[in-house]
Amino acid sequence: MKIRLKTIRYFVEGLIIIIAIWHYYFSSNHNANLKGRAMDQIFLFGDSITQFAFNPILHGWGAVLAHKYMSKLDVINRGYSGFNTEWCKHLLAENLRSLNESNPSTRIRIMTLFLGANDAVDPAFNQRHNVSLPRYKQNMHEMLDTVRRESPGTKVIIITPPPVNPEVYKETCKAKGKVPDRNAQHTKKYRDACIEVFMEAAETWGRDLVLVDIWHVFFGVGRTEHELKELEDLLFDGLHLGMKGNQMLGKALLGTINRSWPELNPDALPVVGGIEK
């Protein structure tokens, strides 16, 4: 009886060891197979206009990109509602490191830098969020330097701050019990400063840096003057992009990628996925 129990115990212990070895071997090979199929990323960085970019009700511009790059590139959204460049610049390096270190076999192929809407508030009504024009430009340049340092090879699309509809925004603020702190003229100064940042940085960045001027997307190339009624379908609350504005920006971004970096056109990229059986 004792011999039989001892034999059973040895058999069970041996079986446990065999199962453990098999599990380790299968898991290692399974993870190795998956590791080679992790997707590179498109990284969206900005304020609430970026945060809302995945909103399905608004047909968000980030969702447009995610749909086109499905199973080819992961679209990562890091939009921070209410943030300006002064605050965002301290978050960028950590975000880039987190993405690049999470899987060393992948990399950030494209990044959108979409900031300035909160910097552009009128300091007479909102000193907390306002960032002066010189400081705004400096912060944007610092963030571009951060990208080159933390994620070399990543291509960047700078998107200008959008126009505002002061009449609709006034009603939005009134409903929330807030003081309106934006006007069209002041906002346009930050759009112009954003373009200056692009022009100043383009010489060193070369083809890896492009600009999408959302004012030209909305009103046509070379045109910034507009009627407020033109913004009614583009901005849902006088500030954030509505359904039409999102669709127009998404289409413009895809067109810019296709023209500037045809190798990253979603139609030119292979599907990533599948598990070896």
Protein backbone atom coordinates (compact mmCIF):
# COMPACT_ATOMS: atom_id res chain seq x y z
CA MET A 1 0.00 0.00 0.00
CA LYS A 2 2.82 2.38 0.95
CA ILE A 3 4.64 1.58 -2.31
CA ARG A 4 1.48 2.29 -4.31
CA LEU A 5 0.92 5.67 -2.58
CA LYS A 6 4.55 6.63 -3.14
CA THR A 7 4.24 5.71 -6.82
CA ILE A 8 1.10 7.82 -7.17
CA ARG A 9 2.81 10.77 -5.45
CA TYR A 10 5.82 10.57 -7.80
CA PHE A 11 3.47 10.34 -10.76
CA VAL A 12 1.50 13.45 -9.67
CA GLU A 13 4.67 15.44 -8.96
CA GLY A 14 6.10 14.48 -12.34
CA LEU A 15 2.87 15.42 -14.05
CA ILE A 16 2.90 18.84 -12.36
CA ILE A 17 6.47 19.45 -13.55
CA ILE A 18 5.58 18.45 -17.12
CA ILE A 19 2.55 20.77 -17.12
CA ALA A 20 4.65 23.67 -15.74
CA ILE A 21 7.32 23.16 -18.42
CA TRP A 22 4.70 22.93 -21.16
CA HIS A 23 2.92 26.06 -19.91
CA TYR A 24 6.17 28.04 -19.77
CA TYR A 25 7.21 26.93 -23.24
CA PHE A 26 3.80 27.67 -24.79
CA SER A 27 3.48 31.07 -23.09
CA SER A 28 6.97 32.14 -24.15
CA ASN A 29 6.41 31.19 -27.77
CA HIS A 30 2.90 32.63 -27.74
CA ASN A 31 4.16 35.98 -26.40
CA ALA A 32 7.03 35.97 -28.89
CA ASN A 33 4.56 35.45 -31.71
CA LEU A 34 2.38 38.32 -30.47
CA LYS A 35 5.34 40.60 -29.80
CA GLY A 36 6.22 40.64 -33.46
CA ARG A 37 2.68 41.69 -34.26
CA ALA A 38 2.37 44.72 -31.96
CA MET A 39 1.42 47.81 -33.94
CA ASP A 40 3.27 51.09 -34.31
CA GLN A 41 1.33 54.16 -33.25
CA ILE A 42 -0.14 57.48 -34.25
CA PHE A 43 0.02 59.70 -31.16
CA LEU A 44 -2.52 62.52 -30.73
CA PHE A 45 -1.37 65.17 -28.25
CA GLY A 46 -3.28 68.29 -27.30
CA ASP A 47 -6.10 69.79 -25.26
CA SER A 48 -9.84 69.07 -25.13
CA ILE A 49 -10.17 69.36 -28.91
CA THR A 50 -7.88 66.33 -29.07
CA GLN A 51 -9.59 64.68 -26.09
CA PHE A 52 -12.92 64.89 -27.92
CA ALA A 53 -11.33 63.46 -31.09
CA PHE A 54 -12.65 59.98 -30.26
CA ASN A 55 -16.21 61.15 -29.56
CA PRO A 56 -18.45 58.87 -31.68
CA ILE A 57 -21.40 61.28 -31.53
CA LEU A 58 -19.26 64.03 -33.09
CA HIS A 59 -17.56 61.68 -35.58
CA GLY A 60 -14.28 62.75 -33.97
CA TRP A 61 -11.27 63.35 -36.19
CA GLY A 62 -9.22 60.88 -34.14
CA ALA A 63 -11.87 58.23 -34.75
CA VAL A 64 -11.58 58.97 -38.48
CA LEU A 65 -7.86 58.17 -38.30
CA ALA A 66 -8.40 55.10 -36.12
CA HIS A 67 -10.92 53.73 -38.61
CA LYS A 68 -8.63 54.22 -41.61
CA TYR A 69 -5.60 52.73 -39.81
CA MET A 70 -7.49 49.80 -38.28
CA SER A 71 -5.17 46.77 -37.85
CA LYS A 72 -2.27 48.82 -39.23
CA LEU A 73 -1.39 51.52 -36.69
CA ASP A 74 -2.75 52.09 -33.18
CA VAL A 75 -4.13 55.61 -32.67
CA ILE A 76 -3.37 56.79 -29.12
CA ASN A 77 -5.26 59.79 -27.72
CA ARG A 78 -3.63 61.99 -25.09
CA GLY A 79 -5.86 65.04 -25.00
CA TYR A 80 -5.92 67.09 -21.79
CA SER A 81 -9.03 69.20 -21.33
CA GLY A 82 -8.31 72.78 -20.29
CA PHE A 83 -4.54 72.46 -20.70
CA ASN A 84 -2.32 75.01 -22.42
CA THR A 85 1.21 74.64 -23.78
CA GLU A 86 2.75 75.65 -20.46
CA TRP A 87 1.20 72.62 -18.77
CA CYS A 88 1.31 70.16 -21.65
CA LYS A 89 5.02 70.57 -22.26
CA HIS A 90 5.70 68.97 -18.87
CA LEU A 91 3.63 65.89 -19.80
CA LEU A 92 4.97 65.22 -23.27
CA ALA A 93 8.28 63.52 -22.46
CA GLU A 94 6.61 61.14 -20.00
CA ASN A 95 3.94 60.22 -22.54
CA LEU A 96 6.50 59.54 -25.25
CA ARG A 97 8.67 57.43 -22.95
CA SER A 98 5.66 55.45 -21.77
CA LEU A 99 4.65 54.56 -25.31
CA ASN A 100 8.17 53.81 -26.52
CA GLU A 101 9.10 51.70 -23.49
CA SER A 102 5.84 49.74 -23.31
CA ASN A 103 6.99 47.70 -26.31
CA PRO A 104 10.51 48.39 -27.62
CA SER A 105 9.64 46.62 -30.87
CA THR A 106 7.16 49.38 -31.83
CA ARG A 107 7.54 53.09 -32.45
CA ILE A 108 5.49 56.24 -32.87
CA ARG A 109 5.25 56.85 -36.58
CA ILE A 110 3.16 60.05 -36.55
CA MET A 111 2.29 62.59 -33.84
CA THR A 112 -0.22 65.43 -33.99
CA LEU A 113 0.56 68.54 -31.94
CA PHE A 114 -2.69 70.48 -31.57
CA LEU A 115 -2.39 73.23 -28.94
CA GLY A 116 -3.09 76.93 -28.56
CA ALA A 117 -6.85 77.21 -28.07
CA ASN A 118 -6.48 77.63 -24.30
CA ASP A 119 -3.31 79.71 -24.56
CA ALA A 120 -5.37 82.15 -26.65
CA VAL A 121 -7.91 83.12 -23.99
CA ASP A 122 -8.11 86.87 -23.35
CA PRO A 123 -5.86 87.63 -20.34
CA ALA A 124 -8.23 90.41 -19.30
CA PHE A 125 -10.77 87.70 -18.41
CA ASN A 126 -8.64 84.60 -17.80
CA GLN A 127 -5.05 84.99 -16.65
CA ARG A 128 -4.80 81.39 -15.43
CA HIS A 129 -4.99 79.79 -18.87
CA ASN A 130 -3.55 82.56 -21.01
CA VAL A 131 -0.01 82.12 -22.31
CA SER A 132 1.66 85.07 -23.99
CA LEU A 133 2.44 84.79 -27.69
CA PRO A 134 6.25 84.68 -27.23
CA ARG A 135 5.88 82.07 -24.50
CA TYR A 136 3.44 80.05 -26.61
CA LYS A 137 5.96 79.91 -29.45
CA GLN A 138 8.77 78.97 -27.07
CA ASN A 139 6.69 76.17 -25.55
CA MET A 140 5.83 74.78 -28.98
CA HIS A 141 9.49 74.76 -29.97
CA GLU A 142 10.39 73.05 -26.69
CA MET A 143 7.84 70.32 -27.36
CA LEU A 144 9.21 69.76 -30.85
CA ASP A 145 12.68 69.42 -29.30
CA THR A 146 11.24 66.93 -26.81
CA VAL A 147 9.88 64.79 -29.65
CA ARG A 148 13.23 64.70 -31.41
CA ARG A 149 14.99 63.77 -28.17
CA GLU A 150 12.54 61.19 -26.82
CA SER A 151 11.18 59.74 -30.04
CA PRO A 152 13.64 60.26 -32.91
CA GLY A 153 12.17 59.44 -36.29
CA THR A 154 8.60 60.36 -35.30
CA LYS A 155 6.94 62.59 -37.87
CA VAL A 156 4.90 65.52 -36.54
CA ILE A 157 1.80 67.27 -37.82
CA ILE A 158 1.28 70.69 -36.24
CA ILE A 159 -2.38 71.75 -36.28
CA THR A 160 -3.19 75.42 -35.79
CA PRO A 161 -5.65 76.53 -33.10
CA PRO A 162 -9.12 76.73 -34.68
CA PRO A 163 -11.25 79.85 -34.99
CA VAL A 164 -13.92 80.56 -32.39
CA ASN A 165 -17.52 81.68 -32.70
CA PRO A 166 -17.74 84.32 -29.95
CA GLU A 167 -21.53 84.62 -30.09
CA VAL A 168 -22.16 80.89 -29.61
CA TYR A 169 -19.31 80.64 -27.09
CA LYS A 170 -20.86 83.48 -25.10
CA GLU A 171 -24.10 81.52 -24.80
CA THR A 172 -22.17 78.37 -23.84
CA CYS A 173 -20.39 80.26 -21.04
CA LYS A 174 -23.62 81.88 -19.89
CA ALA A 175 -25.26 78.46 -19.52
CA LYS A 176 -22.30 77.32 -17.38
CA GLY A 177 -22.15 80.51 -15.30
CA LYS A 178 -18.74 81.41 -16.72
CA VAL A 179 -17.36 84.66 -18.10
CA PRO A 180 -16.65 84.53 -21.88
CA ASP A 181 -12.89 84.77 -22.35
CA ARG A 182 -12.33 84.33 -26.09
CA ASN A 183 -12.58 86.47 -29.19
CA ALA A 184 -11.84 85.84 -32.85
CA GLN A 185 -9.11 88.47 -33.27
CA HIS A 186 -7.06 87.29 -30.30
CA THR A 187 -7.39 83.64 -31.34
CA LYS A 188 -6.13 84.40 -34.85
CA LYS A 189 -2.90 85.78 -33.38
CA TYR A 190 -2.14 82.34 -31.98
CA ARG A 191 -2.99 80.70 -35.28
CA ASP A 192 -0.45 83.02 -36.94
CA ALA A 193 2.13 82.31 -34.22
CA CYS A 194 1.63 78.57 -34.70
CA ILE A 195 2.41 78.93 -38.40
CA GLU A 196 5.55 80.90 -37.49
CA VAL A 197 6.66 78.02 -35.24
CA PHE A 198 6.25 75.61 -38.13
CA MET A 199 8.20 77.82 -40.54
CA GLU A 200 11.01 78.31 -38.01
CA ALA A 201 11.29 74.60 -37.22
CA ALA A 202 10.82 73.29 -40.77
CA GLU A 203 14.41 74.07 -41.77
CA THR A 204 15.84 71.60 -39.26
CA TRP A 205 12.98 69.07 -39.39
CA GLY A 206 12.76 68.76 -43.16
CA ARG A 207 10.03 66.44 -44.44
CA ASP A 208 9.33 65.06 -40.95
CA LEU A 209 7.34 68.17 -39.98
CA VAL A 210 4.17 69.37 -41.69
CA LEU A 211 1.43 71.89 -40.94
CA VAL A 212 -2.34 71.62 -41.16
CA ASP A 213 -3.90 75.07 -40.94
CA ILE A 214 -7.42 74.36 -39.78
CA TRP A 215 -8.51 77.83 -40.88
CA HIS A 216 -7.67 76.90 -44.47
CA VAL A 217 -9.36 73.54 -43.98
CA PHE A 218 -12.56 75.32 -42.93
CA PHE A 219 -12.55 78.36 -45.23
CA GLY A 220 -10.30 77.45 -48.15
CA VAL A 221 -6.60 77.91 -48.84
CA GLY A 222 -5.44 81.50 -48.39
CA ARG A 223 -8.62 82.58 -46.61
CA THR A 224 -9.04 83.48 -42.94
CA GLU A 225 -11.78 86.10 -43.07
CA HIS A 226 -15.19 84.53 -42.56
CA GLU A 227 -18.76 85.07 -41.47
CA LEU A 228 -19.83 83.70 -38.11
CA LYS A 229 -22.57 81.70 -39.77
CA GLU A 230 -19.86 79.68 -41.54
CA LEU A 231 -18.82 78.33 -38.14
CA GLU A 232 -22.28 77.15 -37.10
CA ASP A 233 -21.82 73.61 -38.46
CA LEU A 234 -18.09 73.48 -37.72
CA LEU A 235 -18.09 74.20 -33.96
CA PHE A 236 -20.80 72.78 -31.71
CA ASP A 237 -20.30 75.18 -28.78
CA GLY A 238 -18.35 78.03 -30.35
CA LEU A 239 -15.00 76.40 -29.50
CA HIS A 240 -14.91 72.61 -29.99
CA LEU A 241 -15.27 70.91 -33.35
CA GLY A 242 -18.72 69.73 -34.34
CA MET A 243 -19.47 66.79 -36.61
CA LYS A 244 -18.70 68.64 -39.84
CA GLY A 245 -15.55 70.23 -38.42
CA ASN A 246 -14.29 66.84 -37.24
CA GLN A 247 -14.95 65.22 -40.60
CA MET A 248 -13.17 68.03 -42.44
CA LEU A 249 -10.12 67.88 -40.17
CA GLY A 250 -9.94 64.07 -40.37
CA LYS A 251 -10.05 64.21 -44.16
CA ALA A 252 -7.41 66.97 -44.23
CA LEU A 253 -5.05 64.97 -41.99
CA LEU A 254 -5.36 61.87 -44.17
CA GLY A 255 -4.71 63.96 -47.27
CA THR A 256 -1.67 65.58 -45.67
CA ILE A 257 -0.22 62.20 -44.69
CA ASN A 258 -0.78 60.85 -48.20
CA ARG A 259 0.93 63.83 -49.84
CA SER A 260 3.79 64.28 -47.36
CA TRP A 261 4.49 60.68 -46.35
CA PRO A 262 2.96 58.34 -48.95
CA GLU A 263 4.72 55.40 -47.30
CA LEU A 264 2.42 55.95 -44.30
CA ASN A 265 -0.79 56.13 -46.31
CA PRO A 266 -3.11 53.56 -44.70
CA ASP A 267 -3.61 51.87 -48.07
CA ALA A 268 0.17 51.38 -48.37
CA LEU A 269 0.61 49.73 -44.96
CA PRO A 270 0.28 46.00 -44.33
CA VAL A 271 -2.27 44.58 -41.92
CA VAL A 272 -0.68 43.66 -38.59
CA GLY A 273 -2.10 40.74 -36.64
CA GLY A 274 -2.73 37.05 -36.50
CA ILE A 275 -1.24 34.35 -34.31
CA GLU A 276 0.98 31.54 -35.55
CA LYS A 277 -0.74 28.22 -34.83
